[in-house]
């Protein structure tokens, strides 16, 4: 493990750019930081004192991000150029905290979910939302990598939508096996074959994204209502890493369903966690930004690979 930076505030969100070596973080000291992971350097730190910052996501451009506010009075999303610290566009539509943000680089579009019980569909080139879906609870939403479909999780189910015909309603609905606690995160694996959902009571559900079959459920300590339990697929989809309500990090084999590694922590909140695209490295963010390269020979021994 390498600790790149000790921070004044706790990291609330981070994102890797898909085709560059850049990482962006948002933290509760109201700052957005841009890192070059290849050189382990912080390239830029920008303050968002007026609006605060909660969730952050790269667009297809490596120095342009979309982020949500944290001030409690303006729930607009903002398109920000990190190159010259200029706002390029405001996206107004939500009336409560945004808790889910997913960008599809192939389509220049993104999806946001809010505690106002709406999911909004956006084109980054237009200020007005392109579509609105109402939900019954806190939504977790994500595009698949191709931008052809998106998933919305809430109330114990995942609803699958065709991105071109979403107004017709979900084309499929998958059960989370009776887990009706709040959905925190929904994600697709890189190849689109798998998806995961985390819930506030400490469950990480892995499903077949075509059939909706529940393949595995991994269990960690529950998280508080104002925290988010985050998990991430490894690039080839063989492993899942996750935070925990006690601040620890765990890794599981998707194939065997068994825990293959754990890294314990004394922190009281789950870390933000992301696996770097096409890399053997993952990153955790809490009061510090840490880079991890797991020993895959040890992981492989657990899953019976030659």
Protein backbone atom coordinates (compact mmCIF):
# COMPACT_ATOMS: atom_id res chain seq x y z
CA UNK A 1 0.00 0.00 0.00
CA UNK A 2 1.18 3.53 -0.83
CA UNK A 3 -0.38 6.57 0.83
CA UNK A 4 -0.22 9.45 -1.64
CA UNK A 5 -1.71 12.21 0.44
CA UNK A 6 -2.99 12.91 3.94
CA UNK A 7 -6.04 15.16 3.65
CA UNK A 8 -7.74 17.82 5.74
CA UNK A 9 -11.16 16.41 4.92
CA UNK A 10 -12.57 12.98 4.21
CA UNK A 11 -12.88 11.87 0.57
CA UNK A 12 -16.54 11.54 -0.41
CA UNK A 13 -16.12 10.42 -4.03
CA UNK A 14 -13.51 9.68 -6.68
CA UNK A 15 -13.30 8.57 -10.28
CA UNK A 16 -10.69 7.28 -12.73
CA UNK A 17 -10.61 8.59 -16.27
CA UNK A 18 -11.08 5.64 -18.61
CA UNK A 19 -8.27 6.37 -21.09
CA UNK A 20 -5.74 8.50 -19.19
CA UNK A 21 -3.83 8.07 -15.93
CA UNK A 22 -5.90 10.72 -14.13
CA UNK A 23 -7.84 10.32 -10.90
CA UNK A 24 -10.20 12.95 -9.49
CA UNK A 25 -11.32 13.15 -5.86
CA UNK A 26 -13.94 15.17 -3.98
CA UNK A 27 -13.57 15.68 -0.25
CA UNK A 28 -15.54 17.32 2.54
CA UNK A 29 -13.00 20.13 2.88
CA UNK A 30 -14.87 21.39 -0.24
CA UNK A 31 -12.00 20.62 -2.61
CA UNK A 32 -11.67 18.78 -5.93
CA UNK A 33 -8.22 17.32 -6.60
CA UNK A 34 -6.77 15.99 -9.85
CA UNK A 35 -4.01 13.36 -9.63
CA UNK A 36 -1.72 11.80 -12.20
CA UNK A 37 -1.58 8.23 -10.93
CA UNK A 38 1.29 7.25 -13.24
CA UNK A 39 3.57 9.80 -11.58
CA UNK A 40 1.91 9.78 -8.12
CA UNK A 41 1.44 13.54 -8.18
CA UNK A 42 -1.40 15.94 -7.37
CA UNK A 43 -1.72 18.16 -10.44
CA UNK A 44 -4.36 20.55 -9.21
CA UNK A 45 -6.58 21.38 -6.24
CA UNK A 46 -9.71 23.47 -6.78
CA UNK A 47 -11.99 24.74 -4.03
CA UNK A 48 -15.78 24.76 -4.27
CA UNK A 49 -16.47 26.78 -1.13
CA UNK A 50 -19.75 28.26 -2.34
CA UNK A 51 -21.42 25.02 -3.38
CA UNK A 52 -19.45 22.32 -1.60
CA UNK A 53 -18.76 19.06 -3.43
CA UNK A 54 -20.09 15.55 -2.84
CA UNK A 55 -20.03 13.25 -5.90
CA UNK A 56 -17.61 13.72 -8.80
CA UNK A 57 -17.30 12.00 -12.17
CA UNK A 58 -15.07 12.46 -15.20
CA UNK A 59 -16.59 13.19 -18.57
CA UNK A 60 -14.86 11.72 -21.63
CA UNK A 61 -12.39 14.62 -21.42
CA UNK A 62 -9.58 14.05 -18.87
CA UNK A 63 -9.78 17.54 -17.32
CA UNK A 64 -13.56 18.04 -17.33
CA UNK A 65 -15.74 16.74 -14.49
CA UNK A 66 -19.36 16.76 -13.37
CA UNK A 67 -19.97 17.19 -9.66
CA UNK A 68 -22.84 17.52 -7.20
CA UNK A 69 -23.21 20.13 -4.49
CA UNK A 70 -23.17 19.64 -0.74
CA UNK A 71 -24.42 22.96 0.60
CA UNK A 72 -28.03 21.88 1.12
CA UNK A 73 -29.60 24.79 -0.80
CA UNK A 74 -28.48 24.33 -4.42
CA UNK A 75 -28.73 20.79 -5.77
CA UNK A 76 -27.56 21.66 -9.29
CA UNK A 77 -24.94 19.52 -10.98
CA UNK A 78 -21.99 21.39 -12.48
CA UNK A 79 -19.76 20.77 -15.48
CA UNK A 80 -16.32 22.09 -14.50
CA UNK A 81 -13.14 22.52 -16.52
CA UNK A 82 -10.23 21.68 -14.21
CA UNK A 83 -7.85 23.13 -16.79
CA UNK A 84 -8.91 26.74 -16.18
CA UNK A 85 -11.35 26.35 -13.26
CA UNK A 86 -14.38 27.47 -15.28
CA UNK A 87 -17.97 26.28 -15.09
CA UNK A 88 -19.09 25.18 -18.53
CA UNK A 89 -22.70 24.30 -17.69
CA UNK A 90 -25.19 23.96 -14.85
CA UNK A 91 -27.70 21.12 -14.71
CA UNK A 92 -30.74 22.10 -12.65
CA UNK A 93 -33.52 19.66 -11.83
CA UNK A 94 -32.99 17.94 -8.48
CA UNK A 95 -34.49 19.31 -5.26
CA UNK A 96 -32.61 17.22 -2.69
CA UNK A 97 -29.14 15.72 -2.30
CA UNK A 98 -27.82 13.81 -5.31
CA UNK A 99 -26.74 10.33 -4.14
CA UNK A 100 -25.95 8.64 -7.46
CA UNK A 101 -24.03 9.85 -10.54
CA UNK A 102 -22.98 7.77 -13.55
CA UNK A 103 -21.43 9.07 -16.80
CA UNK A 104 -21.43 7.18 -20.10
CA UNK A 105 -18.41 8.35 -22.09
CA UNK A 106 -19.56 6.66 -25.31
CA UNK A 107 -22.75 8.70 -25.43
CA UNK A 108 -21.71 11.97 -23.71
CA UNK A 109 -24.64 11.46 -21.36
CA UNK A 110 -25.07 10.84 -17.65
CA UNK A 111 -27.67 9.78 -15.11
CA UNK A 112 -28.28 11.14 -11.61
CA UNK A 113 -30.38 9.91 -8.71
CA UNK A 114 -31.51 12.00 -5.76
CA UNK A 115 -33.17 11.79 -2.36
CA UNK A 116 -36.01 13.74 -4.01
CA UNK A 117 -36.95 10.29 -5.41
CA UNK A 118 -36.21 11.14 -9.02
CA UNK A 119 -33.68 9.82 -11.52
CA UNK A 120 -32.78 12.32 -14.25
CA UNK A 121 -31.19 11.58 -17.63
CA UNK A 122 -28.87 14.23 -19.07
CA UNK A 123 -26.92 15.08 -22.21
CA UNK A 124 -23.82 16.98 -21.09
CA UNK A 125 -24.32 19.41 -24.00
CA UNK A 126 -27.76 20.56 -22.76
CA UNK A 127 -28.75 22.25 -19.50
CA UNK A 128 -32.22 20.70 -19.30
CA UNK A 129 -32.67 17.05 -18.41
CA UNK A 130 -33.63 14.70 -21.24
CA UNK A 131 -35.80 12.43 -19.12
CA UNK A 132 -37.24 11.96 -15.62
CA UNK A 133 -38.12 8.76 -13.79
CA UNK A 134 -39.83 8.71 -10.38
CA UNK A 135 -38.84 6.09 -7.82
CA UNK A 136 -40.03 4.98 -4.37
CA UNK A 137 -36.92 5.41 -2.24
CA UNK A 138 -33.24 6.33 -2.43
CA UNK A 139 -32.10 5.40 -5.98
CA UNK A 140 -28.78 3.98 -7.14
CA UNK A 141 -28.35 4.32 -10.91
CA UNK A 142 -25.71 3.39 -13.50
CA UNK A 143 -25.20 3.06 -17.24
CA UNK A 144 -23.66 -0.04 -18.73
CA UNK A 145 -20.35 0.54 -20.52
CA UNK A 146 -21.97 0.67 -23.97
CA UNK A 147 -24.62 3.18 -22.93
CA UNK A 148 -27.37 0.93 -24.30
CA UNK A 149 -29.01 0.21 -20.95
CA UNK A 150 -29.10 1.60 -17.44
CA UNK A 151 -30.06 0.15 -14.09
CA UNK A 152 -31.91 1.75 -11.18
CA UNK A 153 -31.86 -0.02 -7.81
CA UNK A 154 -34.23 0.73 -4.91
CA UNK A 155 -36.63 -1.11 -2.63
CA UNK A 156 -35.08 -4.56 -2.99
CA UNK A 157 -35.10 -4.66 -6.81
CA UNK A 158 -33.03 -3.59 -9.81
CA UNK A 159 -35.01 -2.21 -12.72
CA UNK A 160 -33.37 -2.46 -16.15
CA UNK A 161 -34.11 0.16 -18.80
CA UNK A 162 -33.35 0.43 -22.51
CA UNK A 163 -31.63 3.82 -22.82
CA UNK A 164 -33.44 4.46 -26.12
CA UNK A 165 -36.92 3.51 -24.85
CA UNK A 166 -36.78 4.21 -21.13
CA UNK A 167 -40.15 5.99 -21.16
CA UNK A 168 -41.80 2.59 -21.76
CA UNK A 169 -40.66 1.46 -18.32
CA UNK A 170 -38.23 -1.28 -17.30
CA UNK A 171 -37.74 -4.19 -19.67
CA UNK A 172 -36.74 -6.41 -16.74
CA UNK A 173 -36.78 -6.37 -12.94
CA UNK A 174 -34.34 -8.35 -10.78
CA UNK A 175 -34.82 -9.23 -7.11
CA UNK A 176 -32.14 -8.73 -4.47
CA UNK A 177 -33.34 -11.80 -2.60
CA UNK A 178 -35.47 -10.01 -0.02
CA UNK A 179 -32.90 -7.32 0.92
CA UNK A 180 -35.07 -4.19 1.05
CA UNK A 181 -32.59 -1.88 2.81
CA UNK A 182 -31.48 1.24 0.96
CA UNK A 183 -29.48 0.65 -2.21
CA UNK A 184 -26.20 2.60 -2.15
CA UNK A 185 -24.34 1.72 -5.36
CA UNK A 186 -25.14 -0.18 -8.57
CA UNK A 187 -22.37 -1.01 -11.07
CA UNK A 188 -21.77 -3.12 -14.16
CA UNK A 189 -18.60 -5.11 -14.76
CA UNK A 190 -16.46 -3.93 -17.68
CA UNK A 191 -17.79 -6.64 -19.99
CA UNK A 192 -21.39 -5.94 -18.95
CA UNK A 193 -22.06 -9.55 -17.93
CA UNK A 194 -22.22 -8.90 -14.19
CA UNK A 195 -23.60 -6.22 -11.94
CA UNK A 196 -23.33 -5.47 -8.25
CA UNK A 197 -25.52 -3.62 -5.78
CA UNK A 198 -24.52 -2.54 -2.29
CA UNK A 199 -27.09 -1.87 0.42
CA UNK A 200 -26.95 0.03 3.70
CA UNK A 201 -27.25 -3.11 5.84
CA UNK A 202 -23.84 -4.28 4.57
CA UNK A 203 -24.73 -6.59 1.67
CA UNK A 204 -22.95 -6.66 -1.69
CA UNK A 205 -25.08 -8.56 -4.21
CA UNK A 206 -23.54 -9.84 -7.47
CA UNK A 207 -25.95 -10.71 -10.28
CA UNK A 208 -25.90 -11.97 -13.85
CA UNK A 209 -26.91 -8.78 -15.68
CA UNK A 210 -28.69 -10.66 -18.49
CA UNK A 211 -30.69 -13.22 -16.53
CA UNK A 212 -30.92 -11.40 -13.21
CA UNK A 213 -29.71 -14.48 -11.33
CA UNK A 214 -28.32 -13.66 -7.88
CA UNK A 215 -24.85 -15.26 -7.99
CA UNK A 216 -23.38 -14.23 -4.62
CA UNK A 217 -24.06 -12.04 -1.61
CA UNK A 218 -21.09 -10.80 0.40
CA UNK A 219 -21.58 -9.38 3.88
CA UNK A 220 -19.77 -6.57 5.69
CA UNK A 221 -20.63 -4.28 8.61
CA UNK A 222 -23.70 -2.07 7.93
CA UNK A 223 -23.20 1.63 7.18
CA UNK A 224 -24.92 4.67 8.68
CA UNK A 225 -27.66 6.44 6.75
CA UNK A 226 -25.39 9.32 5.69
CA UNK A 227 -22.58 7.00 4.50
CA UNK A 228 -22.28 5.05 1.26
CA UNK A 229 -21.08 1.47 0.96
CA UNK A 230 -18.99 1.32 -2.19
CA UNK A 231 -17.73 -1.74 -4.08
CA UNK A 232 -15.89 -2.26 -7.35
CA UNK A 233 -15.26 -5.05 -9.86
CA UNK A 234 -11.67 -5.80 -10.88
CA UNK A 235 -11.12 -4.98 -14.58
CA UNK A 236 -11.63 -8.57 -15.78
CA UNK A 237 -14.59 -9.10 -13.40
CA UNK A 238 -13.01 -11.92 -11.37
CA UNK A 239 -12.91 -10.11 -8.03
CA UNK A 240 -15.04 -7.68 -6.06
CA UNK A 241 -13.53 -5.28 -3.54
CA UNK A 242 -15.64 -3.43 -1.02
CA UNK A 243 -15.49 -1.09 1.92
CA UNK A 244 -17.29 -1.81 5.19
CA UNK A 245 -19.09 0.05 7.93
CA UNK A 246 -16.06 -0.46 10.17
CA UNK A 247 -13.71 1.13 7.60
CA UNK A 248 -12.12 -2.17 6.52
CA UNK A 249 -11.59 -3.35 2.93
CA UNK A 250 -12.47 -6.85 1.69
CA UNK A 251 -11.92 -8.80 -1.54
CA UNK A 252 -13.95 -11.76 -2.81
CA UNK A 253 -13.73 -14.16 -5.73
CA UNK A 254 -16.78 -13.85 -7.96
CA UNK A 255 -16.34 -17.45 -9.16
CA UNK A 256 -16.07 -19.15 -5.77
CA UNK A 257 -18.01 -16.60 -3.70
CA UNK A 258 -15.29 -16.77 -1.03
CA UNK A 259 -13.43 -13.99 0.72
CA UNK A 260 -9.85 -13.91 -0.56
CA UNK A 261 -8.34 -10.97 1.34
CA UNK A 262 -9.10 -8.34 3.96
CA UNK A 263 -7.38 -5.19 5.17
CA UNK A 264 -8.62 -4.07 8.58
CA UNK A 265 -9.02 -0.45 9.62
CA UNK A 266 -9.73 1.60 12.73
CA UNK A 267 -11.85 4.16 10.85
CA UNK A 268 -15.53 4.33 11.64
CA UNK A 269 -16.80 4.93 8.09
CA UNK A 270 -16.52 2.94 4.86
CA UNK A 271 -13.81 4.11 2.45
CA UNK A 272 -14.55 5.17 -1.10
CA UNK A 273 -13.08 2.44 -3.30
CA UNK A 274 -12.31 2.14 -7.02
CA UNK A 275 -10.35 -0.34 -9.11
CA UNK A 276 -8.15 1.42 -11.69
CA UNK A 277 -9.19 0.68 -15.31
CA UNK A 278 -7.09 -2.06 -16.90
CA UNK A 279 -4.73 -2.17 -13.94
CA UNK A 280 -3.76 -4.41 -11.04
CA UNK A 281 -4.25 -1.49 -8.66
CA UNK A 282 -7.16 -0.20 -6.63
CA UNK A 283 -7.50 2.99 -4.64
CA UNK A 284 -9.25 3.75 -1.36
CA UNK A 285 -10.18 7.19 -0.12
CA UNK A 286 -10.96 8.18 3.45
CA UNK A 287 -8.96 10.71 5.46
CA UNK A 288 -6.08 9.65 3.21
CA UNK A 289 -5.72 8.55 -0.40
CA UNK A 290 -4.17 5.07 -0.59
CA UNK A 291 -3.03 2.96 -3.56
CA UNK A 292 -3.04 -0.84 -3.32
CA UNK A 293 -1.51 -3.54 -5.51
CA UNK A 294 -2.77 -6.92 -4.22
CA UNK A 295 -0.68 -10.08 -4.54
CA UNK A 296 -2.61 -11.88 -7.27
CA UNK A 297 -0.69 -15.12 -6.71
CA UNK A 298 -2.27 -15.32 -3.27
CA UNK A 299 -5.71 -14.40 -4.63
CA UNK A 300 -5.42 -17.01 -7.39
CA UNK A 301 -4.65 -19.72 -4.85
CA UNK A 302 -8.04 -19.10 -3.24
CA UNK A 303 -10.00 -19.48 -6.45
CA UNK A 304 -8.19 -22.58 -7.66
CA UNK A 305 -6.57 -21.09 -10.75
CA UNK A 306 -3.42 -22.68 -12.15
